[in-house]
Amino acid sequence: MLREQTYRVGDLTLNCAIGTEVAPPLLLLHGVTSRWQGWLPVAPSLAARWHLHALDLRGHGGSGRVAGAYRIVDYAADVVALLRQRIGSPTVLVGHSLGAIIATAAAALAPEMVRAIVLEDPPLAAFRHERLHDRPEYPSFLALRDLARAGLAGDELRAALSARRPELDAAAVRTWAAAIGRLDPDVLTLIVEDRAKAGYDQDDCLRRIAAPTLLLQGEPSLGGALADEDARRAVGLVRLGTQVKLAHVGHGIHAADPAAFCRIVHDFLESL
């Protein structure tokens, strides 16, 4: 069972869903435009072994907004504050997409608070050497930013999102609309303008990670955000890095194949 709690980090309120305290802590960090509920497909399996914490990143879900302050270093500072002030012991970080990038920065800032890291299909190139404008997700991010700015609600927002992704069923569209409806548009503005990576040195962060790290890679031809060469490079920079590629899924591994995701993550974590 997960229950939501709010925490103060400076002037910011962060929302975090917390499970039953049965074991060591594990913190879930979602991707951009999502919210903690995106982890529900894998939460029951992980909660059987770990004390789950699923954070809404600033500007997302039930967490507060800070206009213009959606850089990787801002998110990472929130995570470190949560680790040190609330969780209080070495924690497994599991991050998807943007959450994985944030996990690398947080682990570099507070290595003593990180027990292990799972990086799920991080878009490494987008936060290192590529301009977002040149990546395939740029038009989608721009359109979602404009939808969030429009302030549509209810049926209007669901209709707009369904038109963008007609293959989604009505329940999936409702879930997506709930996330977009609570998103600060500035989150995407900083990403599409390449300002979110200001102050973030990816290579330095990867080299400074002291904890065992699992890099999960989706298939780029199916929508995965991590190219093979970038995955190999990252694993080479991390001292205790392990890479697993899933050739049958794209970017959202934990949602597309929860069973495979949980098996691999459990195998990795139980080997520590």
Protein backbone atom coordinates (compact mmCIF):
# COMPACT_ATOMS: atom_id res chain seq x y z
CA MET A 1 0.00 0.00 0.00
CA LEU A 2 1.30 3.45 -0.96
CA ARG A 3 0.23 6.60 0.82
CA GLU A 4 1.08 10.13 -0.24
CA GLN A 5 2.97 12.55 1.99
CA THR A 6 4.26 16.05 1.35
CA TYR A 7 7.62 17.44 2.41
CA ARG A 8 9.10 20.90 2.49
CA VAL A 9 12.42 21.48 0.74
CA GLY A 10 13.12 25.17 1.20
CA ASP A 11 10.09 26.96 -0.22
CA LEU A 12 9.07 23.97 -2.31
CA THR A 13 6.53 21.27 -1.43
CA LEU A 14 7.30 17.80 -2.75
CA ASN A 15 4.75 15.00 -2.97
CA CYS A 16 5.95 11.45 -2.40
CA ALA A 17 4.07 8.15 -2.23
CA ILE A 18 5.49 5.86 0.45
CA GLY A 19 5.05 2.16 0.97
CA THR A 20 5.13 -0.04 4.04
CA GLU A 21 8.48 -0.02 5.79
CA VAL A 22 9.47 -3.64 5.32
CA ALA A 23 13.05 -3.38 4.10
CA PRO A 24 15.77 -0.97 2.92
CA PRO A 25 14.61 2.12 1.01
CA LEU A 26 14.17 2.42 -2.75
CA LEU A 27 13.33 5.73 -4.43
CA LEU A 28 11.51 5.83 -7.78
CA LEU A 29 12.07 8.83 -10.08
CA HIS A 30 9.66 9.13 -13.02
CA GLY A 31 10.26 10.59 -16.48
CA VAL A 32 9.33 14.01 -17.79
CA THR A 33 5.57 14.84 -17.93
CA SER A 34 4.76 11.79 -15.79
CA ARG A 35 4.03 11.43 -12.06
CA TRP A 36 4.60 8.83 -9.37
CA GLN A 37 1.58 6.78 -10.47
CA GLY A 38 3.50 5.79 -13.60
CA TRP A 39 5.35 3.25 -11.44
CA LEU A 40 2.21 1.35 -10.42
CA PRO A 41 2.82 -1.53 -12.91
CA VAL A 42 5.98 -2.51 -10.98
CA ALA A 43 5.31 -1.14 -7.49
CA PRO A 44 3.76 -4.31 -5.98
CA SER A 45 6.73 -6.46 -6.97
CA LEU A 46 9.31 -3.96 -5.75
CA ALA A 47 7.42 -3.30 -2.52
CA ALA A 48 7.72 -6.95 -1.52
CA ARG A 49 11.45 -6.44 -0.98
CA TRP A 50 12.00 -2.70 -0.62
CA HIS A 51 10.59 0.27 1.29
CA LEU A 52 9.24 2.20 -1.69
CA HIS A 53 9.31 5.96 -2.08
CA ALA A 54 7.87 7.28 -5.37
CA LEU A 55 8.51 10.99 -5.82
CA ASP A 56 6.62 13.52 -7.90
CA LEU A 57 9.39 15.67 -9.37
CA ARG A 58 9.05 19.43 -8.95
CA GLY A 59 6.56 20.79 -11.48
CA HIS A 60 4.88 17.38 -11.82
CA GLY A 61 1.93 15.68 -10.16
CA GLY A 62 1.29 16.82 -6.61
CA SER A 63 4.61 18.60 -6.12
CA GLY A 64 5.04 22.35 -6.18
CA ARG A 65 6.12 24.57 -9.05
CA VAL A 66 9.13 26.85 -9.28
CA ALA A 67 9.00 28.81 -12.53
CA GLY A 68 12.19 28.49 -14.56
CA ALA A 69 13.89 26.17 -12.01
CA TYR A 70 13.67 22.85 -13.80
CA ARG A 71 17.30 22.07 -14.44
CA ILE A 72 18.81 18.66 -13.70
CA VAL A 73 20.75 20.26 -10.86
CA ASP A 74 17.49 21.59 -9.35
CA TYR A 75 15.81 18.20 -9.45
CA ALA A 76 18.93 16.50 -8.07
CA ALA A 77 19.07 18.91 -5.13
CA ASP A 78 15.48 17.94 -4.25
CA VAL A 79 16.38 14.25 -4.35
CA VAL A 80 19.45 14.74 -2.15
CA ALA A 81 17.39 16.73 0.36
CA LEU A 82 14.82 13.92 0.49
CA LEU A 83 17.54 11.30 0.96
CA ARG A 84 19.33 13.17 3.72
CA GLN A 85 16.44 14.81 5.56
CA ARG A 86 13.65 12.24 5.24
CA ILE A 87 14.87 8.81 4.23
CA GLY A 88 18.11 9.00 6.17
CA SER A 89 19.92 5.86 4.99
CA PRO A 90 21.59 4.60 1.80
CA THR A 91 18.88 4.20 -0.82
CA VAL A 92 18.46 2.45 -4.16
CA LEU A 93 17.63 4.99 -6.88
CA VAL A 94 15.52 3.78 -9.80
CA GLY A 95 15.01 6.41 -12.49
CA HIS A 96 13.25 6.33 -15.84
CA SER A 97 14.26 8.70 -18.66
CA LEU A 98 14.61 12.17 -17.10
CA GLY A 99 14.47 10.47 -13.70
CA ALA A 100 17.51 8.39 -14.65
CA ILE A 101 19.45 11.50 -15.60
CA ILE A 102 18.50 13.05 -12.25
CA ALA A 103 19.63 9.89 -10.48
CA THR A 104 23.14 10.23 -11.94
CA ALA A 105 23.39 13.80 -10.68
CA ALA A 106 22.04 12.95 -7.22
CA ALA A 107 24.39 9.97 -6.86
CA ALA A 108 27.34 12.19 -7.73
CA LEU A 109 26.25 14.82 -5.18
CA ALA A 110 25.57 12.42 -2.30
CA PRO A 111 27.38 9.10 -2.88
CA GLU A 112 27.08 8.20 0.79
CA MET A 113 23.27 8.16 0.46
CA VAL A 114 23.09 5.87 -2.59
CA ARG A 115 23.19 2.09 -2.24
CA ALA A 116 22.66 1.23 -5.93
CA ILE A 117 21.24 2.79 -9.08
CA VAL A 118 18.96 1.54 -11.84
CA LEU A 119 18.92 3.76 -14.93
CA GLU A 120 16.00 2.92 -17.23
CA ASP A 121 16.63 4.02 -20.83
CA PRO A 122 18.14 7.44 -20.00
CA PRO A 123 18.34 9.88 -22.95
CA LEU A 124 22.05 10.41 -22.33
CA ALA A 125 22.80 12.15 -25.62
CA ALA A 126 20.07 14.75 -25.06
CA PHE A 127 21.71 15.79 -21.80
CA ARG A 128 25.28 15.63 -23.05
CA HIS A 129 26.04 16.56 -26.65
CA GLU A 130 22.82 16.64 -28.72
CA ARG A 131 20.42 19.54 -29.09
CA LEU A 132 16.85 18.59 -28.28
CA HIS A 133 15.80 20.34 -31.50
CA ASP A 134 17.63 17.65 -33.45
CA ARG A 135 16.06 14.70 -31.64
CA PRO A 136 12.86 12.86 -32.68
CA GLU A 137 11.01 13.73 -29.46
CA TYR A 138 11.28 17.49 -30.05
CA PRO A 139 7.92 17.95 -31.90
CA SER A 140 6.08 15.89 -29.30
CA PHE A 141 7.58 17.80 -26.38
CA LEU A 142 6.74 21.10 -28.03
CA ALA A 143 3.14 20.05 -28.63
CA LEU A 144 2.73 18.79 -25.06
CA ARG A 145 4.19 22.04 -23.71
CA ASP A 146 1.64 24.00 -25.71
CA LEU A 147 -1.18 21.74 -24.49
CA ALA A 148 -0.09 22.25 -20.88
CA ARG A 149 -0.01 26.00 -21.48
CA ALA A 150 -3.50 25.97 -22.96
CA GLY A 151 -4.96 24.90 -19.64
CA LEU A 152 -7.44 22.47 -21.16
CA ALA A 153 -9.29 20.28 -18.70
CA GLY A 154 -11.46 17.20 -18.68
CA ASP A 155 -12.90 16.07 -22.00
CA GLU A 156 -11.06 18.74 -24.02
CA LEU A 157 -7.63 17.66 -22.82
CA ARG A 158 -8.44 13.97 -23.24
CA ALA A 159 -9.70 14.58 -26.78
CA ALA A 160 -6.54 16.49 -27.70
CA LEU A 161 -4.29 13.75 -26.33
CA SER A 162 -6.34 10.97 -27.94
CA ALA A 163 -5.95 12.71 -31.30
CA ARG A 164 -2.19 12.64 -30.82
CA ARG A 165 -2.10 8.96 -29.82
CA PRO A 166 -5.17 7.23 -31.29
CA GLU A 167 -3.74 3.79 -30.46
CA LEU A 168 -4.20 4.44 -26.72
CA ASP A 169 -7.30 3.14 -24.98
CA ALA A 170 -9.59 5.47 -23.05
CA ALA A 171 -8.15 4.54 -19.66
CA ALA A 172 -4.58 5.24 -20.81
CA VAL A 173 -5.67 8.61 -22.20
CA ARG A 174 -7.28 9.51 -18.88
CA THR A 175 -4.05 8.65 -17.05
CA TRP A 176 -1.99 10.71 -19.50
CA ALA A 177 -4.39 13.66 -19.22
CA ALA A 178 -4.17 13.56 -15.43
CA ALA A 179 -0.39 13.93 -15.66
CA ILE A 180 -0.39 16.67 -18.33
CA GLY A 181 -3.11 18.56 -16.48
CA ARG A 182 -0.82 18.89 -13.44
CA LEU A 183 2.37 19.68 -15.34
CA ASP A 184 4.08 23.06 -15.19
CA PRO A 185 4.69 23.97 -18.87
CA ASP A 186 8.05 25.46 -17.88
CA VAL A 187 9.31 21.91 -17.32
CA LEU A 188 9.16 21.29 -21.06
CA THR A 189 10.22 24.80 -22.00
CA LEU A 190 13.60 24.29 -20.33
CA ILE A 191 14.01 20.93 -22.05
CA VAL A 192 13.10 22.04 -25.58
CA GLU A 193 15.34 25.10 -25.20
CA ASP A 194 18.24 22.95 -23.89
CA ARG A 195 18.36 24.88 -20.63
CA ALA A 196 17.54 21.91 -18.40
CA LYS A 197 21.11 20.59 -18.69
CA ALA A 198 22.78 23.86 -17.65
CA GLY A 199 25.26 23.13 -14.88
CA TYR A 200 25.04 19.37 -15.40
CA ASP A 201 28.25 17.60 -16.45
CA GLN A 202 27.16 14.10 -17.39
CA ASP A 203 30.60 12.56 -17.76
CA ASP A 204 31.71 13.94 -14.41
CA CYS A 205 28.58 12.63 -12.71
CA LEU A 206 28.97 9.14 -14.18
CA ARG A 207 32.61 8.98 -13.12
CA ARG A 208 31.71 10.04 -9.58
CA ILE A 209 29.06 7.36 -9.07
CA ALA A 210 30.38 4.98 -6.42
CA ALA A 211 27.39 2.62 -6.19
CA PRO A 212 26.72 -0.44 -8.37
CA THR A 213 24.75 0.74 -11.39
CA LEU A 214 22.39 -1.12 -13.73
CA LEU A 215 21.78 0.46 -17.12
CA LEU A 216 18.58 -0.81 -18.76
CA GLN A 217 18.37 -0.05 -22.46
CA GLY A 218 15.33 -0.24 -24.70
CA GLU A 219 15.53 -0.87 -28.44
CA PRO A 220 16.12 2.41 -30.32
CA SER A 221 14.19 1.21 -33.39
CA LEU A 222 11.14 0.77 -31.14
CA GLY A 223 11.43 4.21 -29.57
CA GLY A 224 14.23 3.68 -27.07
CA ALA A 225 16.01 6.92 -26.17
CA LEU A 226 19.45 5.42 -25.59
CA ALA A 227 21.70 4.63 -28.55
CA ASP A 228 24.02 1.64 -28.37
CA GLU A 229 27.19 3.73 -28.50
CA ASP A 230 25.99 6.02 -25.71
CA ALA A 231 25.10 3.02 -23.54
CA ARG A 232 28.55 1.47 -24.02
CA ARG A 233 30.23 4.77 -23.26
CA ALA A 234 28.25 5.31 -20.07
CA VAL A 235 28.93 1.82 -18.73
CA GLY A 236 32.61 2.45 -19.35
CA LEU A 237 32.55 5.60 -17.24
CA VAL A 238 30.75 4.04 -14.26
CA ARG A 239 33.07 2.07 -12.01
CA LEU A 240 30.56 -0.70 -11.21
CA GLY A 241 28.35 -0.66 -14.27
CA THR A 242 26.15 -3.45 -15.68
CA GLN A 243 24.18 -3.13 -18.93
CA VAL A 244 21.10 -5.07 -20.03
CA LYS A 245 19.40 -4.38 -23.36
CA LEU A 246 15.80 -5.43 -23.98
CA ALA A 247 15.35 -5.81 -27.71
CA HIS A 248 11.57 -6.20 -27.64
CA VAL A 249 10.57 -2.91 -25.97
CA GLY A 250 11.23 0.78 -26.52
CA HIS A 251 11.57 3.64 -24.05
CA GLY A 252 9.03 2.71 -21.37
CA ILE A 253 10.43 -0.64 -20.27
CA HIS A 254 8.71 -0.85 -16.90
CA ALA A 255 5.31 -0.11 -18.43
CA ALA A 256 5.69 -2.23 -21.58
CA ASP A 257 7.04 -5.33 -19.85
CA PRO A 258 6.71 -5.04 -16.05
CA ALA A 259 7.59 -8.69 -15.50
CA ALA A 260 10.91 -8.47 -17.35
CA PHE A 261 11.73 -5.15 -15.70
CA CYS A 262 11.11 -6.55 -12.21
CA ARG A 263 13.01 -9.76 -12.85
CA ILE A 264 16.10 -7.93 -14.06
CA VAL A 265 15.98 -5.31 -11.31
CA HIS A 266 15.44 -7.93 -8.59
CA ASP A 267 18.29 -10.05 -9.95
CA PHE A 268 20.60 -7.03 -9.94
CA LEU A 269 19.64 -5.77 -6.49
CA GLU A 270 19.77 -9.21 -4.87
CA SER A 271 23.35 -9.59 -6.13
CA LEU A 272 24.59 -6.59 -4.15
